[in-house]
Amino acid sequence: MTGIGAWTPFGVGWDALWAALIEGRTAFAPVGEGFGPDPTLLAGRISDWKPFRAEFPEVRPPLPIPVTRLALVAARRACEAAGLAKIDAEHERLGFGVMLNRNRGPAQVVAKIMKPVLAKGVRKTSPLLFSQSVANAPLGAVATALGLRGPHLLTMGGGAIMTAHDAIQRGDAPGVLVGGFEELVSELFTADLDNGVIEGIRSLDQLGRGPVMSEGCVCVLLESRASAEARGARALARLASVERGLSLASRAEPAEREQNTDGRGERGWDPLSRWGAPDPDGFARLAARALARAGVEPKTIGYHAGNGAAVPAFASAEQRMRATLGLDGLGPAGRVGSLKALLGEGMGMGAIANLAWAATMVARGEITHSTRSGPTKDPVPGAGASALGLAHNVLVTHLDAHASQFAALVSPAS
């Protein structure tokens, strides 16, 4: 991992997010009037879109849709941090690919297209908007703007990390820019509230009740060791292994779903949701395979960057995994957390943000985290390795509502 870029509610750049993490600030603020059913509800929204013009002054209006702007800025920042943007000869970048996570379709632009159509007829359709209504429009924009002509793919959840890792190992590309992006859309925000996918959170004291939605983009440049050395790039950390899986507990019958523990039927991300709950034992085996493939003992794990913040079924699976591998007994308390506690449920960007977080901790040799996994506790600023006994490896795990799972080991670059 040689470069990280981001554009989140904390601002442009990974350093902006890192500073917020150290200071214990969350990305959440009231959504305001005109967004969703209640202006007092919390979410992580981008408040200032002007940085795009500063980063891409060559792009003239009409500007790309907001989610494409997010992806372009974060992707360029990651390439610049990795030194890839300084390569003048375009052919040297041609082999690099780009793979992005996006859990939602292009909802905002589709809604924008349909409003005049429904009001005044199909002749009011904007051809400029229509070209942006394909789900992979941001992917194409990034590949074109940055000259990344290698393999590219739009996926979801943690798919970009898994597929990019495989592509580099197979020799399909010397490197792949992996990223995750998500946008907040008023119509979907309202629908998620109605369907119980998210809770109506109005204050930080309520954060443990469920996920809080957020928007933004985080990108990481992955490349082979040979590629990084040939370019003279400084590696932040090494992705030592990635194990993927799909391990579900038995799916509940419809009658059972209607009488689940919280009485919400099929609503929400509860253990009896329509997708089925993760199988805790299967997930533990998945993580064990990741450690074995990397040749890493559990006792050398300094931190677990989890992905199940405020989602009981996911948190339960990760807790079982830690107990099975013996991670709970290592070192002092507070050795597990999720960046979602401060950044929010970015869906597409959550897994990439956790990977970038792990790489930065490994590169800095310190744990910098928040204990807000069931977030009523105050965030804990970073502490030196000597204070927390940080071992050299960070375990990153991911589960999502579509039941895709992975466990990855992030280790020192050398």
Protein backbone atom coordinates (compact mmCIF):
# COMPACT_ATOMS: atom_id res chain seq x y z
CA MET A 1 0.00 0.00 0.00
CA THR A 2 1.81 3.08 -1.26
CA GLY A 3 -0.74 5.91 -1.21
CA ILE A 4 -4.00 6.96 0.47
CA GLY A 5 -6.47 9.62 -0.61
CA ALA A 6 -9.80 10.72 0.80
CA TRP A 7 -12.64 13.19 0.64
CA THR A 8 -14.95 12.76 3.60
CA PRO A 9 -17.12 15.01 5.79
CA PHE A 10 -13.88 15.88 7.60
CA GLY A 11 -12.51 17.48 4.43
CA VAL A 12 -10.17 16.63 1.57
CA GLY A 13 -7.17 14.42 2.31
CA TRP A 14 -6.45 11.46 4.55
CA ASP A 15 -4.66 13.74 7.01
CA ALA A 16 -7.95 15.57 7.67
CA LEU A 17 -9.62 12.31 8.66
CA TRP A 18 -6.63 11.23 10.74
CA ALA A 19 -6.65 14.51 12.67
CA ALA A 20 -10.35 14.04 13.43
CA LEU A 21 -9.65 10.51 14.66
CA ILE A 22 -6.93 11.69 17.03
CA GLU A 23 -9.11 14.53 18.32
CA GLY A 24 -12.14 12.25 18.74
CA ARG A 25 -14.42 14.22 16.40
CA THR A 26 -17.26 12.52 14.57
CA ALA A 27 -18.43 13.27 11.04
CA PHE A 28 -22.04 13.59 12.16
CA ALA A 29 -24.17 16.73 12.09
CA PRO A 30 -27.89 17.48 11.62
CA VAL A 31 -28.87 16.98 7.98
CA GLY A 32 -30.72 20.31 7.90
CA GLU A 33 -33.84 21.51 6.16
CA GLY A 34 -34.83 19.93 2.87
CA PHE A 35 -33.00 16.64 3.42
CA GLY A 36 -35.02 13.67 4.62
CA PRO A 37 -38.06 13.85 6.86
CA ASP A 38 -36.43 15.51 9.88
CA PRO A 39 -33.70 18.21 9.82
CA THR A 40 -32.47 17.20 13.28
CA LEU A 41 -31.37 13.69 12.25
CA LEU A 42 -27.62 13.07 12.17
CA ALA A 43 -25.59 12.00 9.14
CA GLY A 44 -22.12 12.53 7.73
CA ARG A 45 -22.59 14.95 4.83
CA ILE A 46 -20.07 16.79 2.66
CA SER A 47 -20.72 20.45 3.41
CA ASP A 48 -18.32 22.11 0.98
CA TRP A 49 -17.99 21.00 -2.66
CA LYS A 50 -15.66 23.82 -3.72
CA PRO A 51 -12.45 21.75 -3.35
CA PHE A 52 -13.23 19.94 -6.60
CA ARG A 53 -12.68 23.10 -8.63
CA ALA A 54 -9.35 23.63 -6.88
CA GLU A 55 -8.24 20.03 -7.49
CA PHE A 56 -9.50 19.86 -11.09
CA PRO A 57 -9.41 23.41 -12.50
CA GLU A 58 -9.20 21.96 -16.01
CA VAL A 59 -12.74 20.54 -15.76
CA ARG A 60 -15.20 23.11 -17.05
CA PRO A 61 -18.93 23.18 -16.29
CA PRO A 62 -21.14 21.31 -16.42
CA LEU A 63 -19.30 19.53 -13.62
CA PRO A 64 -19.58 15.78 -13.03
CA ILE A 65 -22.22 14.61 -10.55
CA PRO A 66 -21.13 14.94 -6.90
CA VAL A 67 -20.26 11.28 -6.37
CA THR A 68 -17.93 11.35 -9.39
CA ARG A 69 -16.24 14.45 -7.96
CA LEU A 70 -15.65 12.58 -4.70
CA ALA A 71 -14.03 9.66 -6.51
CA LEU A 72 -11.84 11.86 -8.72
CA VAL A 73 -10.43 13.90 -5.84
CA ALA A 74 -9.74 10.94 -3.54
CA ALA A 75 -8.22 8.90 -6.38
CA ARG A 76 -5.89 11.70 -7.48
CA ARG A 77 -4.80 12.29 -3.87
CA ALA A 78 -3.95 8.57 -3.47
CA CYS A 79 -1.94 8.54 -6.71
CA GLU A 80 -0.10 11.72 -5.73
CA ALA A 81 0.73 10.30 -2.29
CA ALA A 82 2.13 7.18 -3.99
CA GLY A 83 4.18 9.21 -6.46
CA LEU A 84 2.24 7.79 -9.40
CA ALA A 85 0.98 11.17 -10.59
CA LYS A 86 4.57 12.34 -11.13
CA ILE A 87 5.18 9.76 -13.86
CA ASP A 88 5.02 11.72 -17.10
CA ALA A 89 5.13 8.80 -19.51
CA GLU A 90 1.53 7.67 -19.77
CA HIS A 91 2.52 4.18 -20.89
CA GLU A 92 4.05 3.60 -17.46
CA ARG A 93 0.62 4.03 -15.90
CA LEU A 94 -1.30 2.00 -18.48
CA GLY A 95 -0.96 -1.27 -16.61
CA PHE A 96 -2.39 0.09 -13.37
CA GLY A 97 -6.04 -0.71 -12.81
CA VAL A 98 -8.83 0.80 -10.76
CA MET A 99 -11.47 -1.05 -8.75
CA LEU A 100 -14.12 0.76 -6.73
CA ASN A 101 -16.81 -0.26 -4.25
CA ARG A 102 -20.27 1.24 -4.57
CA ASN A 103 -23.15 -0.30 -2.64
CA ARG A 104 -25.86 2.00 -3.98
CA GLY A 105 -26.66 2.74 -7.57
CA PRO A 106 -26.60 6.27 -9.03
CA ALA A 107 -29.65 7.25 -6.99
CA GLN A 108 -29.05 11.00 -6.82
CA VAL A 109 -28.64 11.52 -10.55
CA VAL A 110 -31.59 9.23 -11.36
CA ALA A 111 -33.77 11.23 -8.97
CA LYS A 112 -32.57 14.44 -10.60
CA ILE A 113 -33.38 13.07 -14.07
CA MET A 114 -36.83 11.88 -13.09
CA LYS A 115 -38.13 15.01 -11.36
CA PRO A 116 -38.55 17.10 -14.55
CA VAL A 117 -39.64 14.01 -16.50
CA LEU A 118 -42.44 13.26 -14.07
CA ALA A 119 -43.42 16.92 -13.91
CA LYS A 120 -43.21 17.92 -17.58
CA GLY A 121 -42.59 14.82 -19.70
CA VAL A 122 -39.71 12.91 -21.27
CA ARG A 123 -38.59 15.80 -23.48
CA LYS A 124 -37.23 17.43 -20.33
CA THR A 125 -34.68 14.64 -19.87
CA SER A 126 -31.11 15.97 -19.72
CA PRO A 127 -28.68 13.98 -21.92
CA LEU A 128 -25.82 15.22 -19.73
CA LEU A 129 -27.42 13.69 -16.66
CA PHE A 130 -28.34 10.50 -18.47
CA SER A 131 -24.69 9.79 -19.27
CA GLN A 132 -23.98 9.94 -15.52
CA SER A 133 -26.81 7.58 -14.60
CA VAL A 134 -24.78 4.43 -15.23
CA ALA A 135 -23.44 3.01 -11.99
CA ASN A 136 -19.83 2.93 -13.19
CA ALA A 137 -19.66 6.56 -14.37
CA PRO A 138 -17.25 7.50 -11.51
CA LEU A 139 -15.07 4.48 -12.32
CA GLY A 140 -14.74 5.54 -15.95
CA ALA A 141 -14.00 9.12 -14.95
CA VAL A 142 -11.17 8.05 -12.62
CA ALA A 143 -9.63 5.68 -15.19
CA THR A 144 -9.75 8.38 -17.89
CA ALA A 145 -8.54 11.32 -15.80
CA LEU A 146 -5.63 9.46 -14.20
CA GLY A 147 -4.62 7.30 -17.17
CA LEU A 148 -5.26 4.01 -15.38
CA ARG A 149 -5.87 1.69 -18.34
CA GLY A 150 -5.38 -1.65 -16.63
CA PRO A 151 -8.18 -3.90 -15.35
CA HIS A 152 -11.04 -1.99 -13.79
CA LEU A 153 -14.17 -3.13 -12.04
CA LEU A 154 -17.07 -1.68 -10.08
CA THR A 155 -18.05 -3.89 -7.17
CA MET A 156 -19.62 -3.60 -3.73
CA GLY A 157 -18.88 -4.13 -0.05
CA GLY A 158 -15.25 -5.17 0.25
CA GLY A 159 -15.05 -6.55 -3.27
CA ALA A 160 -12.49 -4.05 -4.57
CA ILE A 161 -9.87 -5.13 -2.03
CA MET A 162 -10.34 -8.82 -2.72
CA THR A 163 -10.37 -8.54 -6.52
CA ALA A 164 -7.45 -6.13 -6.69
CA HIS A 165 -5.35 -8.37 -4.45
CA ASP A 166 -6.07 -11.34 -6.73
CA ALA A 167 -5.35 -9.33 -9.90
CA ILE A 168 -1.94 -8.23 -8.65
CA GLN A 169 -1.04 -11.73 -7.45
CA ARG A 170 -1.96 -13.18 -10.85
CA GLY A 171 0.16 -10.58 -12.61
CA ASP A 172 -2.80 -8.97 -14.36
CA ALA A 173 -1.61 -5.54 -13.21
CA PRO A 174 1.43 -4.08 -11.43
CA GLY A 175 -0.96 -2.16 -9.21
CA VAL A 176 -4.60 -1.30 -8.68
CA LEU A 177 -6.18 1.81 -7.23
CA VAL A 178 -8.87 0.50 -4.88
CA GLY A 179 -11.53 2.76 -3.48
CA GLY A 180 -14.96 2.97 -2.00
CA PHE A 181 -17.44 5.78 -2.37
CA GLU A 182 -20.97 6.58 -1.32
CA GLU A 183 -23.36 9.49 -1.56
CA LEU A 184 -26.19 10.59 0.68
CA VAL A 185 -29.47 11.03 -1.15
CA SER A 186 -32.56 12.52 0.49
CA GLU A 187 -34.93 10.01 -1.11
CA LEU A 188 -32.85 6.99 -0.04
CA PHE A 189 -32.23 8.44 3.40
CA THR A 190 -35.99 8.67 3.92
CA ALA A 191 -36.54 5.17 2.54
CA ASP A 192 -33.83 3.72 4.81
CA LEU A 193 -35.52 5.27 7.83
CA ASP A 194 -38.92 3.94 6.75
CA ASN A 195 -37.53 0.44 6.17
CA GLY A 196 -35.56 0.34 9.42
CA VAL A 197 -32.18 0.06 7.69
CA ILE A 198 -31.00 2.99 9.80
CA GLU A 199 -32.26 4.48 13.03
CA GLY A 200 -33.28 8.08 13.57
CA ILE A 201 -30.21 9.27 15.49
CA ARG A 202 -30.48 12.83 16.80
CA SER A 203 -27.61 13.06 19.27
CA LEU A 204 -24.21 11.48 19.85
CA ASP A 205 -25.55 9.80 22.99
CA GLN A 206 -27.79 7.65 20.76
CA LEU A 207 -25.01 6.39 18.45
CA GLY A 208 -25.07 2.81 19.72
CA ARG A 209 -28.64 2.28 18.50
CA GLY A 210 -27.70 1.66 14.90
CA PRO A 211 -25.71 2.79 11.86
CA VAL A 212 -25.44 6.46 10.93
CA MET A 213 -25.15 7.08 7.20
CA SER A 214 -22.25 9.02 5.73
CA GLU A 215 -20.86 9.98 2.33
CA GLY A 216 -17.40 10.35 0.89
CA CYS A 217 -14.63 8.42 -0.82
CA VAL A 218 -11.42 6.75 0.37
CA CYS A 219 -8.83 5.30 -2.03
CA VAL A 220 -5.67 3.22 -1.51
CA LEU A 221 -3.07 2.38 -4.15
CA LEU A 222 -2.08 -1.28 -3.96
CA GLU A 223 0.86 -2.50 -6.00
CA SER A 224 3.30 -5.37 -6.13
CA ARG A 225 6.55 -5.06 -4.25
CA ALA A 226 8.43 -5.22 -7.57
CA SER A 227 6.41 -2.31 -8.97
CA ALA A 228 6.90 -0.16 -5.88
CA GLU A 229 10.65 -0.82 -5.79
CA ALA A 230 11.02 -0.12 -9.51
CA ARG A 231 9.29 3.24 -9.06
CA GLY A 232 11.16 4.06 -5.88
CA ALA A 233 7.85 4.35 -4.03
CA ARG A 234 7.74 4.22 -0.24
CA ALA A 235 5.39 1.54 0.99
CA LEU A 236 3.20 2.36 3.98
CA ALA A 237 2.36 -1.24 4.78
CA ARG A 238 1.94 -4.66 3.19
CA LEU A 239 -1.33 -6.45 2.51
CA ALA A 240 -0.04 -9.82 3.68
CA SER A 241 -3.17 -11.84 2.93
CA VAL A 242 -6.84 -11.56 2.05
CA GLU A 243 -9.35 -14.36 2.58
CA ARG A 244 -12.87 -14.02 1.28
CA GLY A 245 -15.97 -16.01 2.11
CA LEU A 246 -19.72 -16.22 2.20
CA SER A 247 -20.71 -17.87 5.44
CA LEU A 248 -24.34 -17.54 6.48
CA ALA A 249 -26.24 -19.06 9.32
CA SER A 250 -29.45 -20.79 8.24
CA ARG A 251 -31.84 -18.30 6.72
CA ALA A 252 -35.00 -17.70 8.66
CA GLU A 253 -38.33 -18.64 7.16
CA PRO A 254 -40.74 -15.72 6.57
CA ALA A 255 -42.84 -16.68 9.58
CA GLU A 256 -39.76 -16.56 11.80
CA ARG A 257 -38.68 -13.21 10.39
CA GLU A 258 -42.00 -11.71 11.38
CA GLN A 259 -41.35 -12.63 15.02
CA ASN A 260 -37.71 -11.79 15.49
CA THR A 261 -36.26 -10.50 18.72
CA ASP A 262 -36.98 -6.80 18.29
CA GLY A 263 -40.35 -7.17 16.57
CA ARG A 264 -39.28 -5.35 13.43
CA GLY A 265 -39.96 -8.19 11.01
CA GLU A 266 -37.73 -7.89 7.95
CA ARG A 267 -36.72 -4.35 8.82
CA GLY A 268 -33.17 -3.44 9.48
CA TRP A 269 -29.83 -5.21 9.67
CA ASP A 270 -30.95 -7.54 12.44
CA PRO A 271 -29.80 -11.18 12.73
CA LEU A 272 -32.91 -12.49 11.01
CA SER A 273 -32.86 -10.05 8.10
CA ARG A 274 -33.73 -11.25 4.66
CA TRP A 275 -30.06 -11.82 3.82
CA GLY A 276 -29.43 -14.13 6.75
CA ALA A 277 -26.96 -13.57 9.58
CA PRO A 278 -23.22 -14.25 9.33
CA ASP A 279 -22.19 -17.64 10.67
CA PRO A 280 -19.86 -16.77 13.58
CA ASP A 281 -17.95 -20.07 13.44
CA GLY A 282 -17.54 -19.82 9.68
CA PHE A 283 -16.27 -16.27 10.01
CA ALA A 284 -13.75 -17.38 12.65
CA ARG A 285 -12.45 -20.03 10.25
CA LEU A 286 -12.16 -17.39 7.54
CA ALA A 287 -10.01 -15.17 9.77
CA ALA A 288 -7.90 -18.16 10.84
CA ARG A 289 -7.17 -18.92 7.17
CA ALA A 290 -6.06 -15.33 6.62
CA LEU A 291 -3.61 -15.57 9.52
CA ALA A 292 -2.31 -18.94 8.34
CA ARG A 293 -1.82 -17.76 4.76
CA ALA A 294 0.19 -14.79 6.02
CA GLY A 295 2.19 -16.97 8.42
CA VAL A 296 1.03 -14.83 11.33
CA GLU A 297 0.35 -15.99 14.89
CA PRO A 298 -2.64 -14.48 16.74
CA LYS A 299 -0.32 -13.20 19.47
CA THR A 300 1.32 -10.86 16.95
CA ILE A 301 -1.97 -9.08 16.17
CA GLY A 302 -1.74 -5.60 17.63
CA TYR A 303 -5.20 -4.42 16.66
CA HIS A 304 -8.45 -5.57 15.07
CA ALA A 305 -10.06 -3.04 12.72
CA GLY A 306 -13.60 -4.38 12.66
CA ASN A 307 -16.54 -3.46 10.51
CA GLY A 308 -19.62 -4.25 12.56
CA ALA A 309 -20.19 -1.00 14.43
CA ALA A 310 -23.74 -0.79 15.78
CA VAL A 311 -24.90 -3.83 13.75
CA PRO A 312 -25.51 -6.56 16.35
CA ALA A 313 -25.28 -9.56 14.00
CA PHE A 314 -21.96 -8.39 12.59
CA ALA A 315 -20.52 -7.40 15.97
CA SER A 316 -21.48 -10.83 17.34
CA ALA A 317 -19.68 -12.64 14.52
CA GLU A 318 -16.55 -10.55 15.02
CA GLN A 319 -16.67 -11.10 18.78
CA ARG A 320 -16.88 -14.88 18.30
CA MET A 321 -13.98 -14.73 15.88
CA ARG A 322 -11.81 -12.87 18.38
CA ALA A 323 -12.67 -15.33 21.13
CA THR A 324 -11.95 -18.32 18.89
CA LEU A 325 -8.56 -16.97 17.82
CA GLY A 326 -7.66 -15.82 21.32
CA LEU A 327 -7.46 -12.15 20.40
CA ASP A 328 -9.54 -10.91 23.34
CA GLY A 329 -6.84 -11.83 25.83
CA LEU A 330 -4.05 -9.95 24.10
CA GLY A 331 -2.79 -6.77 25.70
CA PRO A 332 -4.89 -4.08 27.39
CA ALA A 333 -8.50 -3.28 26.60
CA GLY A 334 -9.42 -1.28 23.56
CA ARG A 335 -7.66 -3.39 20.95
CA VAL A 336 -10.66 -3.49 18.64
CA GLY A 337 -12.66 -0.74 16.97
CA SER A 338 -14.28 0.39 13.77
CA LEU A 339 -13.60 3.57 11.88
CA LYS A 340 -17.34 3.69 11.21
CA ALA A 341 -17.72 4.83 14.80
CA LEU A 342 -16.43 8.26 13.76
CA LEU A 343 -16.83 8.25 9.99
CA GLY A 344 -20.24 6.62 9.71
CA GLU A 345 -21.78 3.85 7.65
CA GLY A 346 -20.39 4.78 4.25
CA MET A 347 -21.29 1.34 2.89
CA GLY A 348 -19.08 1.40 -0.19
CA MET A 349 -16.21 3.23 1.50
CA GLY A 350 -16.25 1.52 4.92
CA ALA A 351 -13.97 -1.40 4.08
CA ILE A 352 -11.46 0.79 2.23
CA ALA A 353 -11.38 3.30 5.09
CA ASN A 354 -10.61 0.51 7.57
CA LEU A 355 -7.81 -0.76 5.30
CA ALA A 356 -6.29 2.73 5.07
CA TRP A 357 -6.62 3.13 8.84
CA ALA A 358 -4.79 -0.17 9.41
CA ALA A 359 -2.01 0.78 6.99
CA THR A 360 -1.51 4.12 8.72
CA MET A 361 -1.33 2.52 12.16
CA VAL A 362 1.25 0.02 10.92
CA ALA A 363 3.28 2.74 9.19
CA ARG A 364 3.24 4.95 12.30
CA GLY A 365 3.76 2.08 14.73
CA GLU A 366 0.94 3.22 16.98
CA ILE A 367 -2.68 2.47 17.74
CA THR A 368 -4.97 5.41 17.06
CA HIS A 369 -8.57 4.48 17.58
CA SER A 370 -11.96 5.10 19.11
CA THR A 371 -13.73 2.82 21.55
CA ARG A 372 -17.07 3.89 20.08
CA SER A 373 -18.10 0.45 18.86
CA GLY A 374 -21.26 0.73 20.85
CA PRO A 375 -20.64 4.35 20.92
CA THR A 376 -21.53 5.89 24.21
CA LYS A 377 -17.90 5.97 25.25
CA ASP A 378 -15.59 8.85 24.46
CA PRO A 379 -13.01 8.33 21.70
CA VAL A 380 -9.52 7.40 22.85
CA PRO A 381 -6.68 9.32 21.16
CA GLY A 382 -3.69 7.48 19.76
CA ALA A 383 -1.02 6.16 22.06
CA GLY A 384 2.54 5.07 21.31
CA ALA A 385 3.38 1.45 20.62
CA SER A 386 5.15 1.13 23.96
CA ALA A 387 2.03 2.21 25.83
CA LEU A 388 -0.26 -0.34 24.21
CA GLY A 389 2.27 -2.99 23.31
CA LEU A 390 1.42 -2.76 19.62
CA ALA A 391 2.47 -5.83 17.69
CA HIS A 392 3.27 -5.40 14.06
CA ASN A 393 0.10 -6.74 12.44
CA VAL A 394 -3.43 -5.38 12.16
CA LEU A 395 -6.36 -7.63 11.33
CA VAL A 396 -9.04 -6.02 9.14
CA THR A 397 -12.42 -7.73 8.85
CA HIS A 398 -15.49 -6.89 6.83
CA LEU A 399 -19.09 -8.05 6.79
CA ASP A 400 -22.00 -6.40 5.08
CA ALA A 401 -25.71 -6.84 4.61
CA HIS A 402 -25.09 -8.71 1.37
CA ALA A 403 -23.13 -11.29 3.37
CA SER A 404 -19.79 -10.80 1.60
CA GLN A 405 -17.00 -11.26 4.09
CA PHE A 406 -13.24 -10.96 4.15
CA ALA A 407 -10.38 -10.98 6.59
CA ALA A 408 -7.10 -9.25 5.71
CA LEU A 409 -3.72 -8.99 7.41
CA VAL A 410 -1.89 -5.67 7.21
CA SER A 411 1.79 -5.96 8.12
CA PRO A 412 4.90 -3.77 8.01
CA ALA A 413 6.21 -3.12 4.53
CA SER A 414 9.56 -4.72 5.27
